[in-house]
Amino acid sequence: MVVAQGAKGDQGNQGTQGTQGERGYQGYQGNQGAIGTKGDRGYQGHQGLKGDQGNQGYQGNQGLKGDQGDRGYQGYQGNQGTQGLKGDKGDQGDQGYQGVSGSPPADNTVTYAKIGTDLKSSSAIASTNINWSASGIFTKTLSADTAFTFSNLQLNKVITLVLTGNYTITWPSYVSHISGEYDGSVTNYIQLHCTNAGSETEQVWKIISQEAT
């Protein structure tokens, strides 16, 4: 026969947990011992005194300079040769007779042959200088621009220049222009008249003309 199992009894209530006991206090940490006092530093010893410097030795005396040898004798100069005898001076020739004092030429007695060469001669101008005492007429064909200069000016003398060539002409600063213009395409006849030949006061007058057409 099977016996029936009895019902399960109710679960009993959990008992109340007891109160936790108080935590004990932590013990105090012991104090650190004091650091011992540092000993005093020892004194530095004194530096020894510097010894005295020895005296400098004396400089030896300079040796004596030897005597200079005697200078040799200069040779004798040879005797100068005897000068040749001067020749006798020639006799002076007899003085010529003095001519009879002349008289001013009479009217109409001076011929062309008696006129100075510089008044009746013609010369070509070689470079750019015109010597007034050389001729009465001067000629030149210009091949470039030309600056003329004058020498030996003669007071009141008139000279004639016959010039060709289509180039520019420059005259001395004391040349004053009266009339006419240079024409390089034809022959030019230029008359120059000196009215003052003194140094630094020169004065020359100029007239230019061409053949009438």
Protein backbone atom coordinates (compact mmCIF):
# COMPACT_ATOMS: atom_id res chain seq x y z
CA MET A 1 0.00 0.00 0.00
CA VAL A 2 1.24 3.38 -0.97
CA VAL A 3 1.26 6.01 1.65
CA ALA A 4 0.47 9.54 0.44
CA GLN A 5 3.27 12.16 0.90
CA GLY A 6 2.38 14.95 3.18
CA ALA A 7 2.37 18.59 2.01
CA LYS A 8 5.63 20.61 2.13
CA GLY A 9 5.79 22.94 4.99
CA ASP A 10 6.25 26.72 4.49
CA GLN A 11 9.86 28.03 4.35
CA GLY A 12 10.91 29.62 7.48
CA ASN A 13 11.86 33.35 7.55
CA GLN A 14 15.58 34.31 7.30
CA GLY A 15 16.97 35.45 10.48
CA THR A 16 18.07 39.06 10.92
CA GLN A 17 21.81 39.70 10.24
CA GLY A 18 23.69 40.76 13.24
CA THR A 19 25.22 44.28 13.42
CA GLN A 20 28.84 44.55 12.15
CA GLY A 21 31.25 45.42 14.83
CA GLU A 22 33.12 48.81 14.63
CA ARG A 23 36.50 48.92 12.89
CA GLY A 24 39.38 49.45 15.10
CA TYR A 25 41.45 52.67 14.83
CA GLN A 26 44.74 52.58 12.85
CA GLY A 27 47.74 53.09 15.00
CA TYR A 28 49.73 56.39 14.65
CA GLN A 29 52.92 56.44 12.49
CA GLY A 30 56.00 57.11 14.50
CA ASN A 31 57.83 60.51 13.93
CA GLN A 32 60.95 60.49 11.71
CA GLY A 33 64.12 61.03 13.59
CA ALA A 34 65.81 64.46 13.18
CA ILE A 35 68.72 64.77 10.62
CA GLY A 36 72.00 65.16 12.31
CA THR A 37 73.81 68.53 12.10
CA LYS A 38 76.31 68.90 9.13
CA GLY A 39 79.86 69.22 10.23
CA ASP A 40 81.80 72.49 9.56
CA ARG A 41 83.92 72.71 6.31
CA GLY A 42 87.62 72.66 6.91
CA TYR A 43 89.71 75.79 6.17
CA GLN A 44 91.66 75.99 2.86
CA GLY A 45 95.39 76.07 3.36
CA HIS A 46 97.30 79.33 2.51
CA GLN A 47 99.12 79.59 -0.91
CA GLY A 48 102.84 79.55 -0.53
CA LEU A 49 104.74 82.80 -1.25
CA LYS A 50 106.25 83.27 -4.78
CA GLY A 51 109.99 83.07 -4.87
CA ASP A 52 112.01 86.14 -5.94
CA GLN A 53 112.92 86.39 -9.68
CA GLY A 54 116.58 85.99 -10.41
CA ASN A 55 118.56 89.00 -11.71
CA GLN A 56 119.03 89.26 -15.54
CA GLY A 57 122.52 88.49 -16.67
CA TYR A 58 124.62 91.36 -18.08
CA GLN A 59 124.90 91.76 -21.89
CA GLY A 60 128.36 91.11 -23.22
CA ASN A 61 130.28 94.09 -24.67
CA GLN A 62 130.23 94.53 -28.47
CA GLY A 63 133.50 93.71 -30.13
CA LEU A 64 135.56 96.65 -31.39
CA LYS A 65 135.20 97.62 -35.11
CA GLY A 66 138.28 96.83 -37.13
CA ASP A 67 140.20 99.72 -38.70
CA GLN A 68 139.26 100.62 -42.30
CA GLY A 69 141.92 99.80 -44.83
CA ASP A 70 143.78 102.67 -46.44
CA ARG A 71 142.27 104.06 -49.65
CA GLY A 72 144.34 103.42 -52.75
CA TYR A 73 145.98 106.35 -54.43
CA GLN A 74 144.24 107.88 -57.47
CA GLY A 75 146.20 107.59 -60.67
CA TYR A 76 147.70 110.75 -62.09
CA GLN A 77 145.80 112.53 -64.87
CA GLY A 78 147.66 112.58 -68.13
CA ASN A 79 149.00 115.90 -69.33
CA GLN A 80 146.75 117.81 -71.70
CA GLY A 81 148.07 118.06 -75.22
CA THR A 82 149.44 121.37 -76.35
CA GLN A 83 146.87 123.53 -78.14
CA GLY A 84 147.67 124.22 -81.75
CA LEU A 85 148.78 127.68 -82.71
CA LYS A 86 146.04 130.02 -83.92
CA GLY A 87 146.42 131.03 -87.51
CA ASP A 88 147.12 134.64 -88.38
CA LYS A 89 144.06 136.78 -88.93
CA GLY A 90 143.59 137.75 -92.52
CA ASP A 91 143.88 141.36 -93.53
CA GLN A 92 140.62 143.28 -93.63
CA GLY A 93 139.60 144.31 -97.09
CA ASP A 94 139.48 147.93 -98.05
CA GLN A 95 136.20 149.66 -97.29
CA GLY A 96 134.18 150.49 -100.35
CA TYR A 97 133.46 154.01 -101.32
CA GLN A 98 130.29 155.46 -99.90
CA GLY A 99 127.68 156.09 -102.54
CA VAL A 100 126.37 159.48 -103.25
CA SER A 101 123.33 160.31 -101.13
CA GLY A 102 120.25 159.67 -103.20
CA SER A 103 117.40 162.02 -103.81
CA PRO A 104 113.69 161.17 -103.87
CA PRO A 105 112.78 159.80 -107.29
CA ALA A 106 111.25 162.27 -109.61
CA ASP A 107 107.63 161.94 -110.65
CA ASN A 108 106.88 159.13 -113.11
CA THR A 109 110.40 157.69 -112.81
CA VAL A 110 109.68 154.56 -110.72
CA THR A 111 109.31 151.59 -113.03
CA TYR A 112 107.46 148.30 -112.42
CA ALA A 113 110.82 146.54 -112.08
CA LYS A 114 111.56 148.61 -108.98
CA ILE A 115 108.41 147.48 -107.14
CA GLY A 116 108.95 144.93 -104.34
CA THR A 117 108.57 141.29 -105.36
CA ASP A 118 105.94 140.62 -102.69
CA LEU A 119 103.70 143.22 -104.37
CA LYS A 120 103.83 141.73 -107.85
CA SER A 121 104.15 137.95 -107.29
CA SER A 122 101.62 135.14 -106.97
CA SER A 123 102.01 131.96 -104.90
CA ALA A 124 99.90 128.92 -104.07
CA ILE A 125 98.83 128.42 -100.46
CA ALA A 126 100.50 125.14 -99.45
CA SER A 127 98.55 124.48 -96.26
CA THR A 128 96.35 126.91 -94.34
CA ASN A 129 98.79 129.71 -93.39
CA ILE A 130 98.99 132.87 -95.49
CA ASN A 131 102.32 134.73 -95.19
CA TRP A 132 101.55 138.34 -96.10
CA SER A 133 105.22 139.12 -96.83
CA ALA A 134 105.51 136.36 -99.46
CA SER A 135 103.25 137.57 -102.28
CA GLY A 136 100.49 139.90 -103.35
CA ILE A 137 98.23 137.20 -104.81
CA PHE A 138 97.51 133.76 -103.28
CA THR A 139 95.67 130.85 -104.89
CA LYS A 140 94.17 127.63 -103.54
CA THR A 141 91.64 124.97 -104.51
CA LEU A 142 89.96 123.80 -101.33
CA SER A 143 89.57 120.06 -100.74
CA ALA A 144 88.04 120.27 -97.25
CA ASP A 145 86.69 122.79 -94.75
CA THR A 146 89.61 125.18 -94.09
CA ALA A 147 90.57 127.53 -91.23
CA PHE A 148 93.09 130.08 -92.52
CA THR A 149 95.77 131.71 -90.34
CA PHE A 150 97.86 134.83 -91.11
CA SER A 151 101.53 135.60 -90.46
CA ASN A 152 103.74 138.68 -91.06
CA LEU A 153 100.87 141.13 -91.41
CA GLN A 154 101.94 144.37 -93.15
CA LEU A 155 100.17 147.61 -92.38
CA ASN A 156 98.12 149.03 -95.29
CA LYS A 157 98.98 146.11 -97.59
CA VAL A 158 96.20 144.61 -99.68
CA ILE A 159 96.43 140.98 -100.82
CA THR A 160 94.10 139.05 -103.13
CA LEU A 161 93.03 135.44 -102.63
CA VAL A 162 91.76 133.42 -105.59
CA LEU A 163 89.85 130.49 -104.11
CA THR A 164 87.72 127.65 -105.47
CA GLY A 165 86.11 124.63 -103.84
CA ASN A 166 82.71 124.17 -102.26
CA TYR A 167 83.82 124.03 -98.61
CA THR A 168 83.43 126.16 -95.50
CA ILE A 169 86.13 128.77 -94.75
CA THR A 170 87.00 130.03 -91.25
CA TRP A 171 88.93 133.32 -90.94
CA PRO A 172 91.01 134.69 -88.03
CA SER A 173 88.85 136.42 -85.41
CA TYR A 174 90.24 139.86 -86.27
CA VAL A 175 89.00 139.72 -89.90
CA SER A 176 85.97 141.96 -90.41
CA HIS A 177 83.60 141.32 -93.33
CA ILE A 178 82.59 144.22 -95.59
CA SER A 179 80.58 142.61 -98.38
CA GLY A 180 80.06 139.54 -100.56
CA GLU A 181 79.50 135.86 -99.82
CA TYR A 182 81.71 132.91 -100.69
CA ASP A 183 80.30 130.73 -103.51
CA GLY A 184 81.99 127.33 -103.72
CA SER A 185 80.60 126.61 -107.20
CA VAL A 186 82.63 129.39 -108.87
CA THR A 187 85.98 131.17 -108.53
CA ASN A 188 86.06 133.70 -105.68
CA TYR A 189 88.20 136.85 -105.58
CA ILE A 190 88.80 137.89 -101.98
CA GLN A 191 90.59 141.15 -101.13
CA LEU A 192 92.09 141.54 -97.66
CA HIS A 193 93.25 144.96 -96.41
CA CYS A 194 95.39 145.19 -93.23
CA THR A 195 94.66 148.37 -91.22
CA ASN A 196 96.44 147.30 -88.00
CA ALA A 197 99.41 144.90 -87.87
CA GLY A 198 100.15 145.28 -84.13
CA SER A 199 100.29 142.19 -81.90
CA GLU A 200 96.98 141.57 -80.14
CA THR A 201 95.42 144.55 -82.00
CA GLU A 202 95.35 143.15 -85.56
CA GLN A 203 92.63 144.34 -87.94
CA VAL A 204 91.94 143.07 -91.46
CA TRP A 205 88.98 143.92 -93.71
CA LYS A 206 87.51 141.48 -96.24
CA ILE A 207 85.57 141.84 -99.52
CA ILE A 208 84.41 138.78 -101.51
CA SER A 209 83.38 138.97 -105.15
CA GLN A 210 82.80 136.66 -108.16
CA GLU A 211 82.85 137.15 -111.92
CA ALA A 212 79.64 138.82 -113.09
CA THR A 213 77.29 136.63 -115.16
